[in-house]
Amino acid sequence: MDTIDGMRTFLAVVNDGSFVGGARKLMISPALASKYIGELEQRLGVRLLNRTTRSLSVTELGEEYYDRCRYVLETFDEMENVTKAGSKEPQGDLKLTAPAAFGERYLVRAIAAFRSEYPGICVDLDISDQRIDLVSQGIDLAIRDGALEDSSLVCKRLLPAYNAICATPEYLRKNGTPTHPLEMEKHACILDANMGNRHYWPMHFDGRQQNVPVSGGLAVNSLNAIHAYVLAGAGIAKLPEYCVRDDLRTGRLEEILKAFATSHQAIYAIYPHSKYLPSKVRHFIDFLGPWLEFDSTVSTSL
């Protein structure tokens, strides 16, 4: 067994969570994948995976080896690609994830501009409002708004941002316009099911940030769905300002309680580790920050 083949097999099996799926991605048999990892463990003198007939888990040493394998293979592939291309530009596949509202509005345009400068990088973009586990899914970089919850990840602040609380003029005429956060309990609020504390909206009043209880007839795991629902006049939404900027400008939506909005939100680039950051990831982060800052459709009002 070639060591590189063993490392690739180990990463594929861990990423998929099974020998069958990992072997399928590498177009080898599950038996050969098991053999490769067994030989890798024998050469290293440690157990990388705990195997039973029904489950597969990574040992503590296996997790550490996974991180180092990923870095070594990223570097190896990039070195080969650069040599083959006769260029010092970064090469390879870049796997990203981003929430639908931001990804569809802005990130795809940023990727187009990035690839015109670095055509050797192929981007695989996963659009999802769910908080995907970056390591288990093999994600190189996530673009997210909101605070970082996983201390094992590293984040870089790209842009300031804030959430706008808004509703249609028709809804406000019919139900009244709240003038204080504590009045929100009387209104139908649209809840973001992706948030662990969906029933509370942080707002600033009485000299500090407080969690305001909210409730309503819809909880949904999509900012685009929340956007469509609030435009239907069905309630009050809390959405990133970039989602509703045009609606606020044209009057389709009205912003309320702006004086009570919290001010520490931002858009972040998040990645699993910093010590072994691949060149392709570093180049994209370095490109994305300035692109967002100078792209007027993103940075206006941020």
Protein backbone atom coordinates (compact mmCIF):
# COMPACT_ATOMS: atom_id res chain seq x y z
CA MET A 1 0.00 0.00 0.00
CA ASP A 2 1.21 3.49 -0.86
CA THR A 3 1.03 5.75 2.21
CA ILE A 4 -0.74 8.48 0.25
CA ASP A 5 -3.41 5.97 -0.86
CA GLY A 6 -3.85 4.89 2.75
CA MET A 7 -4.26 8.46 3.90
CA ARG A 8 -6.78 9.21 1.15
CA THR A 9 -8.72 6.10 2.11
CA PHE A 10 -8.72 7.07 5.79
CA LEU A 11 -10.05 10.58 5.02
CA ALA A 12 -12.73 9.25 2.67
CA VAL A 13 -13.98 6.69 5.19
CA VAL A 14 -14.05 9.21 8.05
CA ASN A 15 -15.81 11.85 5.93
CA ASP A 16 -18.48 9.39 4.82
CA GLY A 17 -18.75 7.57 8.14
CA SER A 18 -18.52 4.14 6.52
CA PHE A 19 -16.16 1.91 4.59
CA VAL A 20 -18.79 1.37 1.89
CA GLY A 21 -19.36 5.08 1.20
CA GLY A 22 -15.70 6.00 1.46
CA ALA A 23 -14.69 3.17 -0.87
CA ARG A 24 -17.36 4.20 -3.36
CA LYS A 25 -15.96 7.73 -3.55
CA LEU A 26 -12.49 6.32 -4.26
CA MET A 27 -13.88 3.73 -6.68
CA ILE A 28 -12.35 0.82 -4.77
CA SER A 29 -13.95 -2.08 -2.90
CA PRO A 30 -14.86 -1.82 0.82
CA ALA A 31 -12.55 -4.78 1.46
CA LEU A 32 -9.63 -2.94 -0.11
CA ALA A 33 -10.45 0.21 1.87
CA SER A 34 -10.46 -1.82 5.08
CA LYS A 35 -7.16 -3.42 4.10
CA TYR A 36 -5.54 -0.05 3.40
CA ILE A 37 -6.58 1.40 6.77
CA GLY A 38 -5.52 -1.77 8.57
CA GLU A 39 -2.07 -1.51 6.98
CA LEU A 40 -1.93 2.18 7.86
CA GLU A 41 -2.73 1.41 11.50
CA GLN A 42 -0.16 -1.38 11.55
CA ARG A 43 2.54 0.91 10.15
CA LEU A 44 1.71 3.66 12.66
CA GLY A 45 1.28 1.28 15.56
CA VAL A 46 -2.00 2.89 16.68
CA ARG A 47 -5.73 2.33 16.22
CA LEU A 48 -7.31 5.08 14.10
CA LEU A 49 -10.87 3.74 13.95
CA ASN A 50 -13.11 1.81 16.31
CA ARG A 51 -15.11 -0.69 14.27
CA THR A 52 -18.17 -2.75 15.12
CA THR A 53 -20.63 -4.50 12.85
CA ARG A 54 -23.00 -1.53 13.13
CA SER A 55 -20.88 1.54 13.79
CA LEU A 56 -17.63 3.30 13.01
CA SER A 57 -15.98 5.95 15.15
CA VAL A 58 -12.69 7.82 15.11
CA THR A 59 -10.30 7.39 18.03
CA GLU A 60 -8.69 10.39 19.72
CA LEU A 61 -5.41 9.67 17.91
CA GLY A 62 -7.41 9.16 14.73
CA GLU A 63 -8.89 12.66 15.02
CA GLU A 64 -5.44 14.17 15.36
CA TYR A 65 -4.16 12.08 12.45
CA TYR A 66 -7.18 13.16 10.36
CA ASP A 67 -6.24 16.84 10.71
CA ARG A 68 -2.64 16.18 9.75
CA CYS A 69 -3.62 13.90 6.87
CA ARG A 70 -5.91 16.54 5.49
CA TYR A 71 -3.17 19.15 5.57
CA VAL A 72 -0.58 16.81 4.03
CA LEU A 73 -2.90 15.78 1.19
CA GLU A 74 -4.01 19.36 0.55
CA THR A 75 -0.35 20.40 0.33
CA PHE A 76 0.59 17.38 -1.78
CA ASP A 77 -2.25 17.91 -4.27
CA GLU A 78 -1.58 21.63 -4.49
CA MET A 79 2.14 21.00 -5.07
CA GLU A 80 1.38 18.55 -7.86
CA ASN A 81 -1.18 20.84 -9.46
CA VAL A 82 1.17 23.81 -9.35
CA THR A 83 3.98 21.76 -10.85
CA LYS A 84 1.76 20.37 -13.61
CA ALA A 85 0.37 23.78 -14.43
CA GLY A 86 3.76 25.47 -14.30
CA SER A 87 2.23 28.16 -12.14
CA LYS A 88 2.45 29.36 -8.55
CA GLU A 89 -1.28 30.02 -8.42
CA PRO A 90 -3.35 27.87 -6.01
CA GLN A 91 -5.10 24.88 -7.52
CA GLY A 92 -7.63 22.24 -6.49
CA ASP A 93 -11.17 21.85 -5.17
CA LEU A 94 -12.56 24.32 -2.62
CA LYS A 95 -15.63 23.15 -0.72
CA LEU A 96 -17.74 25.97 0.75
CA THR A 97 -21.02 26.25 2.61
CA ALA A 98 -23.16 29.36 3.10
CA PRO A 99 -26.74 30.26 4.08
CA ALA A 100 -29.12 30.46 1.14
CA ALA A 101 -29.98 34.16 1.42
CA PHE A 102 -26.37 35.32 1.45
CA GLY A 103 -25.04 32.58 -0.84
CA GLU A 104 -27.58 33.15 -3.59
CA ARG A 105 -27.52 36.95 -3.41
CA TYR A 106 -23.81 37.64 -3.07
CA LEU A 107 -21.47 34.71 -2.65
CA VAL A 108 -22.04 33.24 -6.11
CA ARG A 109 -21.01 36.57 -7.65
CA ALA A 110 -17.94 36.69 -5.43
CA ILE A 111 -17.03 33.16 -6.55
CA ALA A 112 -17.36 34.18 -10.19
CA ALA A 113 -14.96 37.08 -9.63
CA PHE A 114 -12.60 34.86 -7.62
CA ARG A 115 -12.44 32.15 -10.29
CA SER A 116 -11.69 34.69 -12.98
CA GLU A 117 -8.55 35.50 -10.98
CA TYR A 118 -7.80 31.91 -9.88
CA PRO A 119 -9.21 29.60 -12.58
CA GLY A 120 -7.29 26.62 -11.20
CA ILE A 121 -9.60 26.46 -8.18
CA CYS A 122 -12.91 24.62 -8.63
CA VAL A 123 -15.56 25.59 -6.07
CA ASP A 124 -18.13 23.18 -4.64
CA LEU A 125 -20.75 25.36 -2.93
CA ASP A 126 -23.27 23.87 -0.49
CA ILE A 127 -26.21 26.23 0.04
CA SER A 128 -27.81 25.47 3.39
CA ASP A 129 -29.27 27.41 6.30
CA GLN A 130 -28.42 24.51 8.61
CA ARG A 131 -25.20 24.60 10.64
CA ILE A 132 -23.22 21.85 8.91
CA ASP A 133 -20.40 20.11 10.78
CA LEU A 134 -17.39 21.27 8.78
CA VAL A 135 -14.99 18.50 9.70
CA SER A 136 -17.31 15.52 9.22
CA GLN A 137 -18.55 16.90 5.88
CA GLY A 138 -15.09 17.80 4.59
CA ILE A 139 -15.97 21.51 4.27
CA ASP A 140 -13.01 23.84 3.76
CA LEU A 141 -14.79 27.07 4.64
CA ALA A 142 -18.18 28.27 5.86
CA ILE A 143 -19.65 31.75 5.46
CA ARG A 144 -22.02 32.49 8.31
CA ASP A 145 -23.68 35.38 10.08
CA GLY A 146 -23.89 35.31 13.83
CA ALA A 147 -21.66 34.28 16.69
CA LEU A 148 -19.31 31.30 16.57
CA GLU A 149 -20.61 28.48 18.79
CA ASP A 150 -17.99 25.76 18.21
CA SER A 151 -14.74 26.63 19.97
CA SER A 152 -12.82 24.11 17.83
CA LEU A 153 -13.36 26.30 14.76
CA VAL A 154 -11.58 29.48 13.72
CA CYS A 155 -13.40 32.53 12.39
CA LYS A 156 -12.45 35.72 10.61
CA ARG A 157 -14.79 38.69 10.62
CA LEU A 158 -15.54 39.83 7.08
CA LEU A 159 -18.19 42.53 7.47
CA PRO A 160 -20.33 44.13 10.18
CA ALA A 161 -24.03 43.37 9.85
CA TYR A 162 -27.27 43.67 11.78
CA ASN A 163 -30.67 42.03 11.84
CA ALA A 164 -33.67 44.12 10.84
CA ILE A 165 -37.00 43.51 12.59
CA CYS A 166 -39.67 44.24 10.02
CA ALA A 167 -43.21 43.68 8.78
CA THR A 168 -45.44 44.84 5.96
CA PRO A 169 -47.28 48.16 6.35
CA GLU A 170 -50.55 46.21 6.10
CA TYR A 171 -49.65 43.97 9.05
CA LEU A 172 -48.67 46.96 11.17
CA ARG A 173 -51.85 48.88 10.31
CA LYS A 174 -53.95 45.87 11.28
CA ASN A 175 -52.07 44.80 14.41
CA GLY A 176 -50.31 47.94 15.58
CA THR A 177 -46.64 48.90 15.57
CA PRO A 178 -44.65 47.80 18.63
CA THR A 179 -42.60 50.60 20.15
CA HIS A 180 -40.81 48.57 22.82
CA PRO A 181 -39.32 45.03 22.73
CA LEU A 182 -41.64 43.75 25.47
CA GLU A 183 -44.62 44.47 23.20
CA MET A 184 -43.42 41.73 20.82
CA GLU A 185 -45.20 39.04 22.84
CA LYS A 186 -48.53 40.36 21.48
CA HIS A 187 -47.46 39.78 17.86
CA ALA A 188 -47.05 36.87 15.46
CA CYS A 189 -43.29 36.48 15.05
CA ILE A 190 -41.75 34.25 12.40
CA LEU A 191 -39.19 31.95 14.01
CA ASP A 192 -35.91 30.76 12.53
CA ALA A 193 -35.84 27.01 13.20
CA ASN A 194 -32.08 26.92 12.65
CA MET A 195 -31.52 28.90 15.82
CA GLY A 196 -31.23 26.97 19.06
CA ASN A 197 -32.95 29.83 20.94
CA ARG A 198 -35.62 30.41 18.31
CA HIS A 199 -38.16 31.58 20.92
CA TYR A 200 -35.97 34.50 22.03
CA TRP A 201 -34.71 37.50 20.08
CA PRO A 202 -31.76 39.39 21.59
CA MET A 203 -32.45 43.12 21.86
CA HIS A 204 -30.81 45.98 23.73
CA PHE A 205 -32.79 47.97 26.29
CA ASP A 206 -32.52 49.10 29.92
CA GLY A 207 -28.78 49.46 29.37
CA ARG A 208 -28.05 45.83 28.42
CA GLN A 209 -28.80 43.07 25.95
CA GLN A 210 -31.82 40.98 26.87
CA ASN A 211 -33.57 37.98 25.32
CA VAL A 212 -37.10 38.93 24.35
CA PRO A 213 -39.61 36.03 24.22
CA VAL A 214 -41.35 35.69 20.85
CA SER A 215 -43.84 33.24 19.39
CA GLY A 216 -45.87 32.78 16.23
CA GLY A 217 -47.54 30.40 13.85
CA LEU A 218 -44.49 29.48 11.75
CA ALA A 219 -41.00 28.19 12.48
CA VAL A 220 -38.94 27.44 9.37
CA ASN A 221 -35.28 26.64 8.67
CA SER A 222 -34.86 28.99 5.70
CA LEU A 223 -34.25 32.74 5.66
CA ASN A 224 -35.70 32.90 2.15
CA ALA A 225 -38.90 31.26 3.42
CA ILE A 226 -39.09 33.70 6.33
CA HIS A 227 -38.62 36.53 3.83
CA ALA A 228 -41.49 35.26 1.65
CA TYR A 229 -43.74 34.76 4.68
CA VAL A 230 -43.21 38.24 6.07
CA LEU A 231 -43.90 39.73 2.63
CA ALA A 232 -47.23 37.89 2.70
CA GLY A 233 -48.19 40.06 5.69
CA ALA A 234 -48.32 37.11 8.07
CA GLY A 235 -46.21 38.47 10.91
CA ILE A 236 -43.01 40.12 12.08
CA ALA A 237 -39.60 38.80 10.99
CA LYS A 238 -36.02 39.27 12.11
CA LEU A 239 -33.81 38.99 9.04
CA PRO A 240 -30.31 40.06 8.04
CA GLU A 241 -30.54 43.57 6.66
CA TYR A 242 -29.06 42.46 3.34
CA CYS A 243 -32.10 40.19 2.82
CA VAL A 244 -34.65 43.01 3.10
CA ARG A 245 -32.69 46.05 1.94
CA ASP A 246 -34.67 46.46 -1.30
CA ASP A 247 -37.99 45.87 0.50
CA LEU A 248 -37.21 48.57 3.07
CA ARG A 249 -36.18 51.00 0.34
CA THR A 250 -39.34 50.46 -1.71
CA GLY A 251 -41.69 50.37 1.28
CA ARG A 252 -42.80 46.75 0.91
CA LEU A 253 -41.51 46.28 4.46
CA GLU A 254 -41.11 48.67 7.37
CA GLU A 255 -38.35 48.34 9.96
CA ILE A 256 -39.39 48.58 13.58
CA LEU A 257 -37.57 48.77 16.93
CA LYS A 258 -34.32 49.77 15.21
CA ALA A 259 -33.19 51.69 18.30
CA PHE A 260 -33.20 48.41 20.25
CA ALA A 261 -31.23 46.34 17.73
CA THR A 262 -28.05 44.66 18.93
CA SER A 263 -24.94 45.90 17.16
CA HIS A 264 -22.41 43.06 17.38
CA GLN A 265 -23.57 40.90 14.48
CA ALA A 266 -21.22 40.24 11.60
CA ILE A 267 -20.56 38.01 8.62
CA TYR A 268 -17.74 35.55 9.27
CA ALA A 269 -15.50 33.16 7.38
CA ILE A 270 -15.21 30.00 9.49
CA TYR A 271 -12.82 27.11 9.00
CA PRO A 272 -11.77 24.04 10.99
CA HIS A 273 -8.22 25.02 11.87
CA SER A 274 -5.66 27.76 11.28
CA LYS A 275 -2.30 26.02 11.69
CA TYR A 276 -2.62 24.04 8.47
CA LEU A 277 -4.69 26.44 6.40
CA PRO A 278 -4.44 25.42 2.72
CA SER A 279 -3.36 28.04 0.19
CA LYS A 280 -6.66 27.84 -1.72
CA VAL A 281 -8.63 28.64 1.48
CA ARG A 282 -6.30 31.47 2.45
CA HIS A 283 -6.54 32.99 -1.04
CA PHE A 284 -10.34 32.87 -0.99
CA ILE A 285 -10.61 34.47 2.46
CA ASP A 286 -8.14 37.20 1.46
CA PHE A 287 -10.16 37.81 -1.72
CA LEU A 288 -13.64 37.68 -0.19
CA GLY A 289 -13.21 40.30 2.53
CA PRO A 290 -12.17 43.16 0.22
CA TRP A 291 -14.68 42.05 -2.45
CA LEU A 292 -17.58 42.25 -0.01
CA GLU A 293 -16.34 45.52 1.45
CA PHE A 294 -16.09 47.26 -1.92
CA ASP A 295 -19.11 45.67 -3.59
CA SER A 296 -21.71 48.40 -3.06
CA THR A 297 -24.70 46.04 -3.11
CA VAL A 298 -23.31 44.21 -0.09
CA SER A 299 -21.55 46.87 1.94
CA THR A 300 -24.17 49.63 1.75
CA SER A 301 -25.66 50.20 5.21
CA LEU A 302 -23.41 47.59 6.81
